[in-house]
Every structure is written in structure tokens, then in C-alpha cells.
Amino acid sequence: MDYGRLFSRAWEICWGHKWLFLLGFLAALGAGGGGGSNTNFNFSGSDFSGQFPFGELPPGMIDNMEELTAALAVAVPIILGLVCAGILIGIALWLLRLTAQAGMISTVEDVESGIKVSLGQAFSKGIQFMPRLLAINILLALPIIIFVALFIFGLLVT
């Protein structure tokens, strides 16, 4: 296989259709990070002087419990709303990523066939082929989905 020719042809396609970089950016936008840090903390029993006894609560702590429950009553719906918004944004970015990937794949196929393609055509073809990529992604994630569902079911049963 001639890798030099492969890379030069890829460069010709990208340079001739500069908007492919936009589709590539959109495909990478919803892909998530991947570089996590690996930290490790070890505590021994000597790190703590002992358990916190309930007889030594700071003054006024018990008196402020009503204020704490009132603040939680306001904060919990806001936090749940933010979590739901984050989940919806994540799903939208995932679908945008799949659309951009499908558009890039179909565009390169069309360019190799000699068909002139615009950004709008590539994006509409991406929308057309996105359900196939969605099905493949769900199929690949199915073992994880089943495991998480069984784990949550186990937690709810116990």
C-alpha cells in the first residue's frame, strides 16, 4: 500500500473542499474528551484523630436545620434541571457528531466518484445516513447499556 499517495490524496480532497474541516470539527466536538487524570489518594487511620462526635456540633447548627431544608428545597430542582439540560445537550452533540461523520464519509465517497459536493449537500447526506451510524453506535454500546440497566435494577430491588 502506498501510504504517501494515500496521504497526498487525502490532502487534495481536504484542500479542495475546505468545509470538510468544519465537518471534522463538528465530528470531534461531540466525541468527548478521553484524557482523564489518574489520581490516587490513600488514607490511613492515623490521618484522622477520630470520629466527629455529635455532642460537639458547632453552636447554632441544629437551629439552622430549617434554613438548610428550605435551601435544599430550592436547590434540588435547579440541580435536577441543570442535569437534564446537560443530558439533552450531550445527546444533541452526539447526534451532531454522527451527522458530521456521515456527511464526511458520503462526501469523500462522492468526491472519489468525481461528483462535486457542497457543504449543504454533505450535511443533508449526513442527516440521511445518520440513523445508520446511530444504530451502529447503539449496537456497540448495548452491552454497557444492559450492564448499567441491570446494575440500576439491582440497586432498586435491594
Protein backbone atom coordinates (compact mmCIF):
# COMPACT_ATOMS: atom_id res chain seq x y z
CA MET A 1 0.00 0.00 0.00
CA ASP A 2 1.36 3.38 -0.98
CA TYR A 3 0.84 5.48 2.16
CA GLY A 4 2.39 8.55 0.57
CA ARG A 5 -0.23 8.51 -2.18
CA LEU A 6 -2.97 7.89 0.36
CA PHE A 7 -1.99 10.92 2.45
CA SER A 8 -1.48 13.14 -0.59
CA ARG A 9 -4.94 12.19 -1.94
CA ALA A 10 -6.50 12.88 1.47
CA TRP A 11 -4.80 16.28 1.48
CA GLU A 12 -6.06 17.03 -2.04
CA ILE A 13 -9.63 16.19 -1.02
CA CYS A 14 -9.44 18.29 2.16
CA TRP A 15 -7.78 21.23 0.43
CA GLY A 16 -10.28 21.14 -2.43
CA HIS A 17 -13.20 21.04 0.00
CA LYS A 18 -12.11 23.22 2.92
CA TRP A 19 -15.52 22.95 4.58
CA LEU A 20 -14.62 19.31 5.39
CA PHE A 21 -12.57 20.81 8.22
CA LEU A 22 -15.84 22.22 9.64
CA LEU A 23 -17.45 18.79 9.47
CA GLY A 24 -14.36 17.32 11.10
CA PHE A 25 -14.57 19.90 13.88
CA LEU A 26 -18.25 19.09 14.43
CA ALA A 27 -17.44 15.38 14.46
CA ALA A 28 -14.76 15.96 17.08
CA LEU A 29 -16.94 18.35 19.10
CA GLY A 30 -19.35 15.67 20.26
CA ALA A 31 -16.77 12.93 20.65
CA GLY A 32 -15.92 13.79 24.25
CA GLY A 33 -12.55 14.02 25.86
CA GLY A 34 -10.81 10.86 26.72
CA GLY A 35 -7.77 12.16 28.50
CA GLY A 36 -8.55 11.72 32.15
CA SER A 37 -6.20 12.14 35.02
CA ASN A 38 -5.27 9.22 37.17
CA THR A 39 -5.10 10.27 40.82
CA ASN A 40 -4.77 8.09 43.85
CA PHE A 41 -5.29 9.04 47.48
CA ASN A 42 -4.57 6.71 50.34
CA PHE A 43 -5.68 7.43 53.87
CA SER A 44 -4.72 5.54 56.95
CA GLY A 45 -6.41 5.55 60.34
CA SER A 46 -3.76 7.84 61.77
CA ASP A 47 -4.72 10.61 59.32
CA PHE A 48 -7.88 11.30 61.31
CA SER A 49 -7.93 11.97 65.01
CA GLY A 50 -11.21 10.17 65.48
CA GLN A 51 -14.86 10.27 64.60
CA PHE A 52 -16.78 13.51 64.80
CA PRO A 53 -18.93 13.22 67.92
CA PHE A 54 -22.44 14.63 67.61
CA GLY A 55 -22.18 16.18 71.06
CA GLU A 56 -19.63 18.69 69.76
CA LEU A 57 -21.59 20.29 66.91
CA PRO A 58 -20.89 23.96 66.35
CA PRO A 59 -23.29 26.30 68.19
CA GLY A 60 -26.46 27.02 66.26
CA MET A 61 -26.05 24.05 63.90
CA ILE A 62 -29.27 22.34 64.96
CA ASP A 63 -31.15 25.65 64.90
CA ASN A 64 -30.25 26.21 61.22
CA MET A 65 -31.68 22.89 60.02
CA GLU A 66 -34.91 24.59 58.91
CA GLU A 67 -32.90 27.03 56.80
CA LEU A 68 -30.92 24.12 55.36
CA THR A 69 -34.04 22.20 54.34
CA ALA A 70 -35.52 25.36 52.80
CA ALA A 71 -32.33 25.93 50.81
CA LEU A 72 -32.32 22.28 49.66
CA ALA A 73 -35.96 22.59 48.58
CA VAL A 74 -34.88 25.41 46.25
CA ALA A 75 -31.53 23.94 45.14
CA VAL A 76 -32.59 20.37 44.28
CA PRO A 77 -34.98 21.31 41.40
CA ILE A 78 -32.36 23.70 39.99
CA ILE A 79 -29.68 21.00 40.12
CA LEU A 80 -32.02 18.43 38.52
CA GLY A 81 -32.89 20.94 35.78
CA LEU A 82 -29.20 21.57 35.07
CA VAL A 83 -28.51 17.83 34.94
CA CYS A 84 -31.40 17.31 32.49
CA ALA A 85 -30.18 20.22 30.35
CA GLY A 86 -26.68 18.74 30.34
CA ILE A 87 -28.03 15.36 29.24
CA LEU A 88 -30.06 16.97 26.42
CA ILE A 89 -27.04 18.99 25.24
CA GLY A 90 -24.92 15.82 25.31
CA ILE A 91 -27.47 13.95 23.19
CA ALA A 92 -27.65 16.87 20.73
CA LEU A 93 -23.85 16.95 20.40
CA TRP A 94 -23.78 13.18 19.91
CA LEU A 95 -26.34 13.39 17.08
CA LEU A 96 -24.45 16.34 15.54
CA ARG A 97 -21.24 14.31 15.67
CA LEU A 98 -22.90 11.35 13.94
CA THR A 99 -24.38 13.64 11.27
CA ALA A 100 -20.98 15.23 10.59
CA GLN A 101 -19.29 11.83 10.40
CA ALA A 102 -21.89 10.51 7.97
CA GLY A 103 -21.55 13.69 5.90
CA MET A 104 -17.77 13.34 5.73
CA ILE A 105 -17.98 9.69 4.73
CA SER A 106 -20.52 10.29 1.97
CA THR A 107 -18.66 13.40 0.74
CA VAL A 108 -15.36 11.60 0.33
CA GLU A 109 -17.15 8.80 -1.49
CA ASP A 110 -18.80 11.34 -3.83
CA VAL A 111 -15.52 13.22 -4.41
CA GLU A 112 -13.76 9.97 -5.26
CA SER A 113 -16.55 9.26 -7.77
CA GLY A 114 -16.00 12.68 -9.35
CA ILE A 115 -19.17 14.33 -8.04
CA LYS A 116 -18.91 17.98 -6.91
CA VAL A 117 -20.36 18.37 -3.40
CA SER A 118 -21.15 21.45 -1.29
CA LEU A 119 -21.37 21.80 2.47
CA GLY A 120 -25.18 21.82 2.40
CA GLN A 121 -25.28 18.67 0.30
CA ALA A 122 -22.79 16.97 2.59
CA PHE A 123 -24.78 17.91 5.69
CA SER A 124 -28.08 16.74 4.15
CA LYS A 125 -26.45 13.43 3.19
CA GLY A 126 -25.14 13.25 6.76
CA ILE A 127 -28.68 13.64 8.06
CA GLN A 128 -29.82 10.96 5.61
CA PHE A 129 -27.20 8.41 6.76
CA MET A 130 -27.09 9.41 10.45
CA PRO A 131 -29.70 6.81 11.56
CA ARG A 132 -27.39 4.03 10.33
CA LEU A 133 -24.49 5.37 12.38
CA LEU A 134 -26.84 5.84 15.33
CA ALA A 135 -27.89 2.19 15.10
CA ILE A 136 -24.25 1.07 14.92
CA ASN A 137 -23.36 3.20 17.97
CA ILE A 138 -26.29 1.86 19.97
CA LEU A 139 -25.46 -1.70 18.94
CA LEU A 140 -21.85 -1.25 20.07
CA ALA A 141 -22.96 0.29 23.36
CA LEU A 142 -25.64 -2.32 24.00
CA PRO A 143 -23.54 -4.45 26.42
CA ILE A 144 -22.79 -1.38 28.53
CA ILE A 145 -26.43 -0.26 28.43
CA ILE A 146 -27.59 -3.74 29.55
CA PHE A 147 -25.00 -3.85 32.34
CA VAL A 148 -25.96 -0.39 33.65
CA ALA A 149 -29.67 -1.25 33.45
CA LEU A 150 -29.13 -4.48 35.39
CA PHE A 151 -27.00 -2.65 37.95
CA ILE A 152 -29.66 0.04 38.47
CA PHE A 153 -32.36 -2.65 38.65
CA GLY A 154 -30.30 -4.48 41.27
CA LEU A 155 -29.94 -1.30 43.30
CA LEU A 156 -33.67 -0.63 43.13
CA VAL A 157 -34.55 -4.18 44.15
CA THR A 158 -32.24 -4.17 47.13
